[in-house]
Amino acid sequence: MPSTDKLDTHHKALTLNLDPSTFGSFAEIGAGQEVARWFLVVGGASGTVAKTISAYDKEVSDDLYGSGSRYVSRERLEAMLDHEWTELLSQLAETRGPQTRFFSFVDTVSARNFAGTNDPHGWIGLRFQLQPGGPPNDVLLHINMLDPSNILQQEAIGILGVNLIYTAFYALQTKESFLEGLAQDVVEERIEIDYVDLRGPAFERWDRRTLLAHLVSAGLADAVFFPSKGPTVPPTEALYKKAVVLAPGYFGHVDPGHMQVHARLLASAIRELRNELGETKSAPAGFFCLTAASFTPNEPAPEIPDLLHRIDALLASGGDVLLFRQRELYHMTALVNRFTRAPLRFVAGLSLIIRAFEDLYGNLEGRRLEALGRLFAQNVRIYAYPMAATDLQEWLKSASTTGWEWSETNGWVSATQLRHAPPLGHLFAYLLASNFLVPMQVPAALSADA
């Protein structure tokens, strides 16, 4: 049995090499053979390594795994897993099967290219048995590599791969122990894991949505994606090259009435952006945005069951959801701009806009001005949704926020009717005049209800 103490990568690989029950193959494309290398250099590799392969050439890769899919994709990863697993069992099941827990580790990665112009990311997969002759279990990961050079990214892939194999065999007691083992020495500063899929009896009691939320709350990902329809995918696939509308909020009221209001707000903003872009462009993608951090500095971070309760209500309304690790809007801008250069629009009620102005941003050297500069980077605007005057007054009182004044029309307040004393008022007026803040009209249905 392995030590219960935390082991470094060297000792994890050596522990696996010295375990006579584990044996498997490695197929790595795009970042060297850094995972297999650990097992080859620590000693005793013949106890673990059946084969290593790196099918870099596209024709060779297509011949092994089939053509028709992108080379760095889930489809290619699954084709690699199926091929390597089938080959491993056909060659060794008869002689080693009764006493061996087989595994196949595969990855297909786009590490930093020589010019530094690509998006370093990849797919990593592991198929393994918990008992000799037992059914297979799969772990599929999507990762973003954060190191600034190719060689460092290769090194990080090696550590993550060893972590994954070691954790699969020795630390599957809980979701928390699995993620902690996976992340050791590499995640957050070097690698981001923004998607995980688990299959097989080893994970039959694990809730996949909870695991996705854990990726964010544990700091392994900046954001994860929950679709209202279709399969779950990494954020990059939901956002890639699309014009985007983000509707951030707390969404604490999950009754159908409030969900209809939220859905109407997002739909109005998508129509607004569609009108901006013109009919010749593809339809913008819209997302509700929640945060795994506390919504205000004085509150505790939400529990994952509460987050999932709110996410489920938004999904039931027909909206897709992005769950972010941090609550500030400028972090959301940074995440989206990693995957698209198309226009980004926030849609927010006046209360959220006021909160964004009132925050102190003590973590930034430039405080409020730096936060706003980051928020409005690269074709970003905020659609300011009107708010009922009574709701605005009640919110300002509960938030202990002072200095804001407004006029109203038929009981509603728009962004142009909101004002603050200088100097903050000058900044607010500048954003309005420069079209960074775009006032939205009161929808006819709401105006009629007032």
Protein backbone atom coordinates (compact mmCIF):
# COMPACT_ATOMS: atom_id res chain seq x y z
CA MET A 1 0.00 0.00 0.00
CA PRO A 2 1.28 3.49 -0.76
CA SER A 3 2.12 5.92 2.02
CA THR A 4 -0.70 8.08 3.35
CA ASP A 5 1.69 11.05 3.30
CA LYS A 6 1.67 13.38 0.29
CA LEU A 7 4.24 12.12 -2.19
CA ASP A 8 6.09 14.14 -4.80
CA THR A 9 5.89 13.18 -8.47
CA HIS A 10 9.02 11.05 -8.34
CA HIS A 11 7.72 8.92 -5.49
CA LYS A 12 4.24 8.61 -6.99
CA ALA A 13 5.70 7.21 -10.22
CA LEU A 14 8.03 4.93 -8.26
CA THR A 15 5.16 3.67 -6.09
CA LEU A 16 3.23 2.69 -9.22
CA ASN A 17 6.31 1.04 -10.74
CA LEU A 18 6.78 -1.05 -7.61
CA ASP A 19 3.11 -2.08 -7.43
CA PRO A 20 2.97 -5.46 -9.20
CA SER A 21 -0.78 -5.11 -9.81
CA THR A 22 -0.65 -2.02 -12.08
CA PHE A 23 0.41 -2.22 -15.73
CA GLY A 24 -0.46 -0.13 -18.73
CA SER A 25 0.27 1.86 -21.86
CA PHE A 26 0.94 5.52 -22.66
CA ALA A 27 -0.01 7.41 -25.84
CA GLU A 28 0.90 11.10 -25.83
CA ILE A 29 0.59 13.63 -28.65
CA GLY A 30 1.68 17.26 -28.58
CA ALA A 31 3.79 17.79 -25.45
CA GLY A 32 6.50 15.17 -25.67
CA GLN A 33 6.17 11.99 -23.66
CA GLU A 34 6.52 13.65 -20.30
CA VAL A 35 4.11 11.38 -18.41
CA ALA A 36 5.75 8.16 -19.59
CA ARG A 37 9.18 9.71 -18.98
CA TRP A 38 8.55 9.91 -15.23
CA PHE A 39 7.97 6.16 -15.06
CA LEU A 40 10.99 5.44 -17.25
CA VAL A 41 13.47 7.51 -15.20
CA VAL A 42 12.50 6.76 -11.60
CA GLY A 43 13.42 3.09 -11.81
CA GLY A 44 11.46 -0.14 -12.09
CA ALA A 45 9.61 0.93 -15.25
CA SER A 46 9.28 -2.65 -16.46
CA GLY A 47 6.82 -3.15 -13.61
CA THR A 48 4.39 -0.58 -15.04
CA VAL A 49 5.09 0.34 -18.67
CA ALA A 50 3.79 -1.98 -21.37
CA LYS A 51 4.23 0.54 -24.19
CA THR A 52 4.78 4.22 -24.90
CA ILE A 53 3.86 5.85 -28.22
CA SER A 54 3.75 9.38 -29.61
CA ALA A 55 1.97 9.55 -32.97
CA TYR A 56 2.95 13.13 -33.85
CA ASP A 57 2.60 12.77 -37.61
CA LYS A 58 -0.99 13.38 -38.74
CA GLU A 59 -1.01 10.48 -41.21
CA VAL A 60 0.33 8.11 -38.57
CA SER A 61 -2.19 9.41 -36.03
CA ASP A 62 -5.08 9.03 -38.51
CA ASP A 63 -3.97 5.50 -39.36
CA LEU A 64 -3.99 4.53 -35.68
CA TYR A 65 -7.01 6.42 -34.42
CA GLY A 66 -9.09 7.28 -37.48
CA SER A 67 -9.47 10.52 -39.41
CA GLY A 68 -12.26 13.07 -39.36
CA SER A 69 -11.79 14.69 -35.95
CA ARG A 70 -9.67 17.62 -34.80
CA TYR A 71 -6.39 16.46 -33.34
CA VAL A 72 -6.87 18.23 -30.02
CA SER A 73 -10.45 17.27 -29.24
CA ARG A 74 -12.54 14.98 -27.10
CA GLU A 75 -13.33 12.87 -30.18
CA ARG A 76 -9.64 12.20 -30.84
CA LEU A 77 -9.02 11.49 -27.15
CA GLU A 78 -11.78 8.89 -27.00
CA ALA A 79 -10.55 7.27 -30.21
CA MET A 80 -7.08 7.02 -28.65
CA LEU A 81 -8.49 5.52 -25.45
CA ASP A 82 -10.51 2.91 -27.33
CA HIS A 83 -7.61 1.91 -29.57
CA GLU A 84 -4.97 1.70 -26.85
CA TRP A 85 -7.23 -0.13 -24.41
CA THR A 86 -8.34 -2.71 -26.98
CA GLU A 87 -4.77 -3.34 -28.03
CA LEU A 88 -3.53 -3.62 -24.44
CA LEU A 89 -6.13 -6.22 -23.48
CA SER A 90 -5.77 -8.23 -26.69
CA GLN A 91 -2.03 -8.53 -26.13
CA LEU A 92 -1.85 -9.03 -22.35
CA ALA A 93 -5.22 -10.03 -20.86
CA GLU A 94 -4.57 -13.75 -21.20
CA THR A 95 -1.11 -13.74 -19.61
CA ARG A 96 -1.45 -10.89 -17.08
CA GLY A 97 -5.18 -10.41 -16.66
CA PRO A 98 -5.81 -12.49 -13.51
CA GLN A 99 -3.32 -10.50 -11.42
CA THR A 100 -3.20 -7.10 -13.15
CA ARG A 101 -5.15 -3.84 -12.95
CA PHE A 102 -4.67 -2.52 -16.47
CA PHE A 103 -4.67 1.14 -17.48
CA SER A 104 -4.26 3.22 -20.63
CA PHE A 105 -3.17 6.83 -20.31
CA VAL A 106 -3.65 9.10 -23.35
CA ASP A 107 -3.38 12.81 -24.09
CA THR A 108 -3.61 15.08 -27.12
CA VAL A 109 -2.23 18.52 -26.42
CA SER A 110 -1.52 21.80 -28.18
CA ALA A 111 1.39 23.17 -26.15
CA ARG A 112 2.87 26.62 -26.76
CA ASN A 113 4.08 26.78 -30.36
CA PHE A 114 7.40 28.30 -31.42
CA ALA A 115 5.79 31.63 -32.36
CA GLY A 116 3.63 31.75 -29.22
CA THR A 117 0.48 32.35 -31.26
CA ASN A 118 -1.69 29.39 -30.28
CA ASP A 119 -4.02 28.69 -27.36
CA PRO A 120 -2.23 26.09 -25.19
CA HIS A 121 -4.79 23.51 -24.14
CA GLY A 122 -5.40 19.79 -24.31
CA TRP A 123 -7.42 16.70 -23.51
CA ILE A 124 -6.22 14.03 -21.09
CA GLY A 125 -7.78 10.62 -20.53
CA LEU A 126 -7.28 7.56 -18.37
CA ARG A 127 -9.02 4.18 -18.58
CA PHE A 128 -8.29 1.86 -15.68
CA GLN A 129 -9.47 -1.14 -13.66
CA LEU A 130 -9.80 -1.09 -9.89
CA GLN A 131 -9.54 -4.89 -9.71
CA PRO A 132 -7.92 -7.43 -12.02
CA GLY A 133 -10.47 -8.39 -14.64
CA GLY A 134 -12.81 -5.65 -13.46
CA PRO A 135 -14.81 -3.27 -15.64
CA PRO A 136 -13.06 -0.20 -17.04
CA ASN A 137 -13.47 3.31 -15.64
CA ASP A 138 -12.72 6.51 -17.53
CA VAL A 139 -11.52 9.98 -16.51
CA LEU A 140 -11.60 12.66 -19.22
CA LEU A 141 -10.15 16.12 -18.57
CA HIS A 142 -9.89 19.33 -20.55
CA ILE A 143 -7.00 21.55 -19.49
CA ASN A 144 -5.61 25.01 -20.23
CA MET A 145 -1.87 25.42 -19.82
CA LEU A 146 -0.72 28.63 -18.14
CA ASP A 147 3.08 28.36 -18.19
CA PRO A 148 4.80 30.85 -20.53
CA SER A 149 7.01 28.36 -22.40
CA ASN A 150 6.67 25.04 -24.17
CA ILE A 151 9.20 23.27 -21.96
CA LEU A 152 7.42 24.32 -18.77
CA GLN A 153 4.07 23.23 -20.18
CA GLN A 154 5.53 19.82 -21.02
CA GLU A 155 6.83 19.53 -17.48
CA ALA A 156 3.42 20.43 -16.03
CA ILE A 157 1.69 17.83 -18.23
CA GLY A 158 4.06 15.20 -16.88
CA ILE A 159 3.23 16.04 -13.27
CA LEU A 160 -0.52 16.13 -13.94
CA GLY A 161 -0.44 12.79 -15.75
CA VAL A 162 1.38 11.07 -12.89
CA ASN A 163 -1.06 12.65 -10.43
CA LEU A 164 -4.02 11.32 -12.41
CA ILE A 165 -2.77 7.73 -12.59
CA TYR A 166 -1.69 7.67 -8.95
CA THR A 167 -4.94 9.21 -7.73
CA ALA A 168 -7.07 6.81 -9.79
CA PHE A 169 -5.47 3.81 -8.10
CA TYR A 170 -4.93 5.13 -4.58
CA ALA A 171 -7.10 8.19 -3.79
CA LEU A 172 -10.62 7.66 -5.08
CA GLN A 173 -12.28 7.67 -1.67
CA THR A 174 -14.07 11.00 -2.21
CA LYS A 175 -14.44 13.72 -4.84
CA GLU A 176 -12.35 15.96 -2.62
CA SER A 177 -9.46 13.49 -2.32
CA PHE A 178 -9.59 12.89 -6.07
CA LEU A 179 -9.37 16.59 -6.94
CA GLU A 180 -6.74 17.29 -4.29
CA GLY A 181 -4.55 14.50 -5.62
CA LEU A 182 -5.07 15.62 -9.20
CA ALA A 183 -4.13 19.22 -8.44
CA GLN A 184 -1.03 18.65 -6.32
CA ASP A 185 1.99 20.74 -7.38
CA VAL A 186 0.55 21.85 -10.70
CA VAL A 187 -2.99 23.25 -10.74
CA GLU A 188 -4.03 26.93 -10.43
CA GLU A 189 -0.71 28.54 -11.32
CA ARG A 190 0.36 26.12 -14.07
CA ILE A 191 -2.68 24.19 -15.32
CA GLU A 192 -6.39 24.90 -15.25
CA ILE A 193 -8.87 22.00 -15.36
CA ASP A 194 -12.18 23.37 -16.64
CA TYR A 195 -13.93 20.14 -17.60
CA VAL A 196 -14.10 16.63 -16.19
CA ASP A 197 -16.15 13.62 -17.19
CA LEU A 198 -16.16 10.37 -15.24
CA ARG A 199 -17.52 7.04 -16.40
CA GLY A 200 -17.68 3.58 -14.90
CA PRO A 201 -18.65 1.87 -11.64
CA ALA A 202 -15.85 3.57 -9.67
CA PHE A 203 -17.79 6.84 -10.04
CA GLU A 204 -21.41 5.68 -10.07
CA ARG A 205 -22.21 7.52 -6.81
CA TRP A 206 -20.47 10.75 -7.82
CA ASP A 207 -22.59 13.62 -9.11
CA ARG A 208 -20.94 15.10 -12.21
CA ARG A 209 -22.46 18.57 -11.71
CA THR A 210 -21.10 18.69 -8.16
CA LEU A 211 -17.66 17.78 -9.45
CA LEU A 212 -17.78 20.60 -12.01
CA ALA A 213 -18.73 23.07 -9.28
CA HIS A 214 -15.88 21.73 -7.13
CA LEU A 215 -13.41 22.54 -9.93
CA VAL A 216 -14.31 26.21 -9.50
CA SER A 217 -14.72 26.38 -5.72
CA ALA A 218 -11.42 24.52 -5.19
CA GLY A 219 -9.57 26.92 -7.49
CA LEU A 220 -8.83 24.40 -10.25
CA ALA A 221 -10.75 26.41 -12.89
CA ASP A 222 -11.65 30.05 -13.51
CA ALA A 223 -15.05 28.98 -14.86
CA VAL A 224 -17.09 25.92 -15.84
CA PHE A 225 -20.07 25.63 -18.15
CA PHE A 226 -23.54 24.19 -17.51
CA PRO A 227 -25.71 23.88 -20.67
CA SER A 228 -29.50 23.96 -20.66
CA LYS A 229 -29.47 21.61 -23.65
CA GLY A 230 -26.97 19.19 -25.06
CA PRO A 231 -23.77 17.80 -23.54
CA THR A 232 -21.51 19.62 -21.12
CA VAL A 233 -18.39 21.05 -22.78
CA PRO A 234 -15.44 23.20 -21.63
CA PRO A 235 -16.05 26.97 -21.61
CA THR A 236 -13.77 27.40 -24.60
CA GLU A 237 -16.15 25.40 -26.80
CA ALA A 238 -19.18 27.35 -25.58
CA LEU A 239 -17.48 30.73 -26.15
CA TYR A 240 -15.09 30.18 -29.05
CA LYS A 241 -15.23 33.07 -31.56
CA LYS A 242 -18.79 34.00 -30.54
CA ALA A 243 -20.32 37.34 -29.69
CA VAL A 244 -21.35 36.97 -26.06
CA VAL A 245 -23.89 38.39 -23.62
CA LEU A 246 -23.27 37.78 -19.91
CA ALA A 247 -26.00 38.25 -17.30
CA PRO A 248 -24.28 38.18 -13.89
CA GLY A 249 -26.24 37.98 -10.68
CA TYR A 250 -26.94 36.17 -7.44
CA PHE A 251 -30.27 34.67 -8.64
CA GLY A 252 -31.37 33.84 -5.12
CA HIS A 253 -35.09 33.73 -5.98
CA VAL A 254 -35.71 30.53 -7.93
CA ASP A 255 -39.50 30.67 -8.28
CA PRO A 256 -40.94 30.65 -11.84
CA GLY A 257 -41.88 34.33 -11.70
CA HIS A 258 -38.34 35.49 -11.02
CA MET A 259 -36.94 33.01 -13.55
CA GLN A 260 -39.18 34.55 -16.23
CA VAL A 261 -37.82 37.99 -15.38
CA HIS A 262 -34.24 36.72 -15.64
CA ALA A 263 -34.94 34.98 -18.95
CA ARG A 264 -36.56 38.15 -20.31
CA LEU A 265 -33.55 40.25 -19.27
CA LEU A 266 -31.08 37.95 -21.05
CA ALA A 267 -33.26 37.65 -24.15
CA SER A 268 -33.59 41.45 -24.36
CA ALA A 269 -29.81 41.86 -24.23
CA ILE A 270 -29.25 39.20 -26.89
CA ARG A 271 -31.70 41.04 -29.18
CA GLU A 272 -29.90 44.32 -28.46
CA LEU A 273 -26.55 42.87 -29.45
CA ARG A 274 -28.07 41.18 -32.49
CA ASN A 275 -29.33 44.58 -33.62
CA GLU A 276 -25.84 46.01 -33.11
CA LEU A 277 -24.19 43.31 -35.18
CA GLY A 278 -26.78 43.15 -37.95
CA GLU A 279 -28.61 40.16 -39.29
CA THR A 280 -25.65 38.95 -41.33
CA LYS A 281 -23.76 37.89 -38.22
CA SER A 282 -24.45 34.68 -36.32
CA ALA A 283 -26.67 34.92 -33.25
CA PRO A 284 -24.87 35.93 -30.03
CA ALA A 285 -24.51 33.39 -27.24
CA GLY A 286 -26.09 34.32 -23.90
CA PHE A 287 -25.13 33.07 -20.44
CA PHE A 288 -26.28 33.59 -16.89
CA CYS A 289 -23.23 34.07 -14.65
CA LEU A 290 -22.88 33.00 -11.04
CA THR A 291 -19.85 33.07 -8.78
CA ALA A 292 -18.51 30.48 -6.36
CA ALA A 293 -17.08 33.35 -4.30
CA SER A 294 -19.13 35.41 -1.90
CA PHE A 295 -21.33 37.87 -3.77
CA THR A 296 -20.33 40.66 -1.37
CA PRO A 297 -17.09 40.95 0.65
CA ASN A 298 -18.83 40.43 4.00
CA GLU A 299 -20.64 37.21 3.13
CA PRO A 300 -19.35 33.62 3.29
CA ALA A 301 -18.84 31.77 0.03
CA PRO A 302 -21.95 29.83 -1.04
CA GLU A 303 -22.15 26.10 -0.47
CA ILE A 304 -22.11 23.92 -3.59
CA PRO A 305 -25.68 22.55 -3.05
CA ASP A 306 -26.95 26.13 -2.96
CA LEU A 307 -25.05 26.98 -6.15
CA LEU A 308 -26.45 23.94 -7.93
CA HIS A 309 -29.97 24.80 -6.77
CA ARG A 310 -29.71 28.21 -8.39
CA ILE A 311 -28.00 26.81 -11.49
CA ASP A 312 -30.75 24.22 -11.95
CA ALA A 313 -33.44 26.91 -11.78
CA LEU A 314 -31.68 28.97 -14.46
CA LEU A 315 -31.20 25.93 -16.67
CA ALA A 316 -34.90 25.11 -16.33
CA SER A 317 -35.68 28.61 -17.64
CA GLY A 318 -33.81 27.71 -20.83
CA GLY A 319 -30.60 29.63 -20.16
CA ASP A 320 -27.03 28.36 -20.21
CA VAL A 321 -24.88 29.07 -17.14
CA LEU A 322 -21.23 29.94 -16.53
CA LEU A 323 -20.03 29.46 -12.97
CA PHE A 324 -17.04 31.72 -12.22
CA ARG A 325 -14.46 31.38 -9.46
CA GLN A 326 -14.31 35.14 -8.80
CA ARG A 327 -17.13 37.64 -8.54
CA GLU A 328 -15.67 40.80 -10.12
CA LEU A 329 -16.96 41.59 -13.59
CA TYR A 330 -13.47 42.30 -14.94
CA HIS A 331 -12.51 38.67 -14.24
CA MET A 332 -15.44 37.61 -16.42
CA THR A 333 -14.19 39.91 -19.19
CA ALA A 334 -10.73 38.33 -18.98
CA LEU A 335 -12.11 34.79 -19.19
CA VAL A 336 -14.33 35.45 -22.20
CA ASN A 337 -11.60 37.35 -24.05
CA ARG A 338 -9.36 34.30 -23.82
CA PHE A 339 -11.67 32.50 -26.22
CA THR A 340 -13.24 35.15 -28.46
CA ARG A 341 -12.44 38.55 -29.94
CA ALA A 342 -16.07 39.20 -30.86
CA PRO A 343 -18.12 41.80 -28.95
CA LEU A 344 -18.89 41.11 -25.29
CA ARG A 345 -21.87 42.69 -23.57
CA PHE A 346 -22.92 42.47 -19.94
CA VAL A 347 -26.56 42.99 -19.05
CA ALA A 348 -27.10 44.12 -15.49
CA GLY A 349 -29.66 45.85 -13.35
CA LEU A 350 -28.84 49.16 -11.73
CA SER A 351 -28.15 47.54 -8.36
CA LEU A 352 -25.35 45.40 -9.78
CA ILE A 353 -23.89 48.36 -11.67
CA ILE A 354 -23.89 50.45 -8.48
CA ARG A 355 -22.18 47.61 -6.61
CA ALA A 356 -19.48 47.46 -9.29
CA PHE A 357 -18.86 51.20 -8.83
CA GLU A 358 -18.92 51.02 -5.02
CA ASP A 359 -16.43 48.15 -4.66
CA LEU A 360 -13.04 49.21 -3.26
CA TYR A 361 -10.91 46.83 -5.41
CA GLY A 362 -8.18 46.82 -2.80
CA ASN A 363 -6.44 43.93 -4.58
CA LEU A 364 -5.64 46.18 -7.57
CA GLU A 365 -2.96 48.88 -7.54
CA GLY A 366 -5.17 51.18 -9.60
CA ARG A 367 -8.28 50.40 -7.53
CA ARG A 368 -11.55 51.41 -9.19
CA LEU A 369 -10.00 52.89 -12.35
CA GLU A 370 -7.94 49.76 -13.01
CA ALA A 371 -10.99 47.56 -12.43
CA LEU A 372 -13.05 49.56 -14.91
CA GLY A 373 -10.18 49.55 -17.41
CA ARG A 374 -10.01 45.76 -17.24
CA LEU A 375 -13.79 45.42 -17.36
CA PHE A 376 -14.21 47.47 -20.54
CA ALA A 377 -11.26 45.97 -22.38
CA GLN A 378 -11.65 45.10 -26.06
CA ASN A 379 -15.15 45.92 -27.28
CA VAL A 380 -17.01 45.48 -23.99
CA ARG A 381 -20.13 47.37 -22.95
CA ILE A 382 -22.77 47.04 -20.25
CA TYR A 383 -26.44 47.08 -21.14
CA ALA A 384 -27.97 48.82 -18.12
CA TYR A 385 -31.37 47.27 -17.43
CA PRO A 386 -33.94 49.61 -15.80
CA MET A 387 -35.10 49.03 -12.24
CA ALA A 388 -38.32 49.82 -10.41
CA ALA A 389 -37.84 52.88 -8.24
CA THR A 390 -39.23 51.14 -5.15
CA ASP A 391 -36.87 48.17 -5.64
CA LEU A 392 -33.89 50.48 -6.15
CA GLN A 393 -34.66 52.44 -3.01
CA GLU A 394 -35.08 49.26 -0.97
CA TRP A 395 -31.84 47.80 -2.30
CA LEU A 396 -29.82 50.94 -1.59
CA LYS A 397 -31.12 50.94 1.97
CA SER A 398 -30.29 47.26 2.55
CA ALA A 399 -26.84 47.72 1.02
CA SER A 400 -26.13 50.80 3.17
CA THR A 401 -25.16 52.67 0.02
CA THR A 402 -25.55 56.44 -0.03
CA GLY A 403 -25.01 59.32 -2.44
CA TRP A 404 -27.12 58.04 -5.33
CA GLU A 405 -30.07 60.06 -6.62
CA TRP A 406 -32.49 59.47 -9.44
CA SER A 407 -35.59 60.56 -11.25
CA GLU A 408 -38.17 58.11 -12.53
CA THR A 409 -40.67 57.58 -15.33
CA ASN A 410 -43.83 55.62 -14.59
CA GLY A 411 -42.14 54.15 -11.51
CA TRP A 412 -39.00 53.02 -13.39
CA VAL A 413 -35.43 54.30 -13.25
CA SER A 414 -33.07 54.01 -16.22
CA ALA A 415 -29.28 54.49 -16.19
CA THR A 416 -29.65 58.00 -17.63
CA GLN A 417 -31.84 58.95 -14.66
CA LEU A 418 -29.32 57.74 -12.09
CA ARG A 419 -26.65 60.12 -10.77
CA HIS A 420 -24.07 60.54 -8.04
CA ALA A 421 -22.20 63.51 -6.62
CA PRO A 422 -18.66 64.18 -7.99
CA PRO A 423 -16.12 62.76 -8.40
CA LEU A 424 -17.78 59.36 -8.79
CA GLY A 425 -20.65 61.00 -10.64
CA HIS A 426 -18.26 62.35 -13.27
CA LEU A 427 -16.97 58.84 -13.94
CA PHE A 428 -20.49 57.44 -14.19
CA ALA A 429 -21.49 60.23 -16.59
CA TYR A 430 -18.38 59.63 -18.71
CA LEU A 431 -19.20 55.94 -19.14
CA LEU A 432 -22.74 56.85 -20.19
CA ALA A 433 -21.60 59.53 -22.62
CA SER A 434 -18.94 57.21 -24.12
CA ASN A 435 -21.46 54.43 -24.66
CA PHE A 436 -19.70 52.03 -22.31
CA LEU A 437 -22.94 52.02 -20.34
CA VAL A 438 -25.88 51.57 -22.69
CA PRO A 439 -29.29 52.31 -21.12
CA MET A 440 -32.00 49.82 -22.04
CA GLN A 441 -35.64 50.78 -22.34
CA VAL A 442 -38.32 49.47 -19.98
CA PRO A 443 -39.90 46.52 -21.82
CA ALA A 444 -43.49 47.19 -22.83
CA ALA A 445 -44.78 44.27 -20.78
CA LEU A 446 -43.17 45.61 -17.60
CA SER A 447 -44.23 49.17 -18.32
CA ALA A 448 -47.84 48.02 -18.69
CA ASP A 449 -47.65 46.20 -15.36
CA ALA A 450 -46.40 49.27 -13.48
